[in-house]
Amino acid sequence: MKKVEAIIRPFKLEDVKLALVNAGIVGMTVTEVRGFGRQKGQVERYRGSEFTVEFLQKLKIEVVVADEEINSVLNAIAESAKTGEIGDGKIFISPVESVVRIRTGEVDAAAL
């Protein structure tokens, strides 16, 4: 099993969600996060004054999938979150040793 964490632009959430549902993913966790990468923030104007917003708002999507689903999930996220501009985000993949569904006690693949 693999855990996929994707940092995306907030306005791309609906596109990514639809792509994951179409790829057969039935659950995900979405968290509002703030950070920066190559963008290094952006300059905003408020009442005639300029200021730099160093940490930009992003969303983190987390899903745990079986090993054989990883390529379809990566493609779904990458294609649906892409705008072609700096700041589109990143996808991280980590191994997952085990999963337990609390309600039923099911483990591993049955718990997904």
Protein backbone atom coordinates (compact mmCIF):
# COMPACT_ATOMS: atom_id res chain seq x y z
CA MET A 1 0.00 0.00 0.00
CA LYS A 2 1.07 3.56 -0.65
CA LYS A 3 0.10 6.91 0.82
CA VAL A 4 -0.16 9.68 -1.76
CA GLU A 5 0.07 13.27 -0.53
CA ALA A 6 -0.56 15.97 -3.11
CA ILE A 7 -0.13 19.69 -2.54
CA ILE A 8 -2.36 21.53 -5.02
CA ARG A 9 -3.88 24.91 -5.76
CA PRO A 10 -7.20 25.40 -3.91
CA PHE A 11 -9.25 26.08 -7.06
CA LYS A 12 -8.19 22.71 -8.54
CA LEU A 13 -9.77 20.65 -5.74
CA GLU A 14 -12.98 19.82 -7.57
CA ASP A 15 -11.08 18.75 -10.72
CA VAL A 16 -8.77 16.51 -8.68
CA LYS A 17 -11.67 15.03 -6.71
CA LEU A 18 -13.53 14.13 -9.90
CA ALA A 19 -10.40 12.61 -11.43
CA LEU A 20 -9.81 10.47 -8.34
CA VAL A 21 -13.43 9.32 -8.21
CA ASN A 22 -13.19 8.38 -11.90
CA ALA A 23 -10.00 6.43 -11.07
CA GLY A 24 -11.96 4.42 -8.49
CA ILE A 25 -10.79 6.15 -5.31
CA VAL A 26 -13.59 6.27 -2.74
CA GLY A 27 -12.01 8.27 0.08
CA MET A 28 -9.58 11.11 0.64
CA THR A 29 -8.55 13.62 3.27
CA VAL A 30 -8.21 17.31 2.40
CA THR A 31 -6.34 19.78 4.61
CA GLU A 32 -5.79 23.51 4.15
CA VAL A 33 -2.05 24.20 4.31
CA ARG A 34 0.25 27.17 3.71
CA GLY A 35 3.73 27.17 2.25
CA PHE A 36 6.02 28.22 -0.55
CA GLY A 37 8.37 26.70 -3.06
CA ARG A 38 9.90 28.28 -6.12
CA GLN A 39 7.18 30.94 -6.09
CA LYS A 40 8.67 32.36 -2.88
CA GLY A 41 5.41 34.13 -2.12
CA GLN A 42 3.76 36.85 -4.12
CA VAL A 43 3.31 40.62 -3.94
CA GLU A 44 -0.19 41.84 -3.04
CA ARG A 45 -1.62 45.36 -2.95
CA TYR A 46 -3.97 46.58 -0.24
CA ARG A 47 -5.16 50.20 -0.11
CA GLY A 48 -2.24 51.38 -2.21
CA SER A 49 0.43 49.62 -0.18
CA GLU A 50 2.44 46.65 -1.38
CA PHE A 51 3.22 43.71 0.86
CA THR A 52 4.59 40.23 0.28
CA VAL A 53 2.57 37.16 1.13
CA GLU A 54 5.31 34.65 1.93
CA PHE A 55 3.17 31.59 2.64
CA LEU A 56 0.63 30.82 -0.06
CA GLN A 57 -2.59 28.92 0.58
CA LYS A 58 -2.61 25.39 -0.80
CA LEU A 59 -4.56 22.19 -0.19
CA LYS A 60 -3.08 18.84 0.78
CA ILE A 61 -4.93 15.77 -0.44
CA GLU A 62 -4.09 12.42 1.15
CA VAL A 63 -5.17 9.01 -0.13
CA VAL A 64 -4.00 5.50 0.65
CA VAL A 65 -4.16 3.07 -2.26
CA ALA A 66 -3.12 -0.45 -3.18
CA ASP A 67 0.23 -0.72 -4.97
CA GLU A 68 -1.40 -1.62 -8.29
CA GLU A 69 -3.50 1.59 -8.25
CA ILE A 70 -0.62 4.00 -7.71
CA ASN A 71 0.03 4.88 -11.38
CA SER A 72 -3.60 5.66 -12.16
CA VAL A 73 -3.85 7.82 -9.02
CA LEU A 74 -0.65 9.72 -9.84
CA ASN A 75 -1.79 10.35 -13.41
CA ALA A 76 -5.24 11.46 -12.26
CA ILE A 77 -3.83 13.98 -9.78
CA ALA A 78 -1.06 15.26 -12.04
CA GLU A 79 -3.32 15.80 -15.05
CA SER A 80 -6.21 17.37 -13.15
CA ALA A 81 -4.10 19.68 -10.93
CA LYS A 82 -1.83 20.99 -13.69
CA THR A 83 -2.06 24.59 -14.90
CA GLY A 84 1.45 24.75 -16.36
CA GLU A 85 2.52 27.60 -14.07
CA ILE A 86 4.96 27.67 -11.16
CA GLY A 87 3.11 26.72 -7.98
CA ASP A 88 1.04 23.81 -9.32
CA GLY A 89 2.27 21.70 -6.40
CA LYS A 90 3.93 18.38 -5.67
CA ILE A 91 2.97 14.74 -5.17
CA PHE A 92 4.68 12.65 -2.48
CA ILE A 93 4.46 8.86 -2.22
CA SER A 94 5.20 6.94 0.99
CA PRO A 95 4.90 3.26 1.89
CA VAL A 96 2.13 2.27 4.32
CA GLU A 97 2.74 -0.77 6.49
CA SER A 98 -0.80 -1.39 7.64
CA VAL A 99 -4.31 0.09 7.80
CA VAL A 100 -7.06 -0.69 10.32
CA ARG A 101 -10.68 0.34 9.88
CA ILE A 102 -11.74 1.35 13.39
CA ARG A 103 -15.46 0.57 13.01
CA THR A 104 -15.08 -3.03 11.80
CA GLY A 105 -11.54 -4.01 12.69
CA GLU A 106 -10.74 -4.85 9.06
CA VAL A 107 -7.07 -4.62 8.20
CA ASP A 108 -4.92 -3.74 5.20
CA ALA A 109 -6.59 -4.10 1.77
CA ALA A 110 -10.00 -4.89 3.29
CA ALA A 111 -9.82 -1.64 5.28
CA LEU A 112 -9.32 0.52 2.20
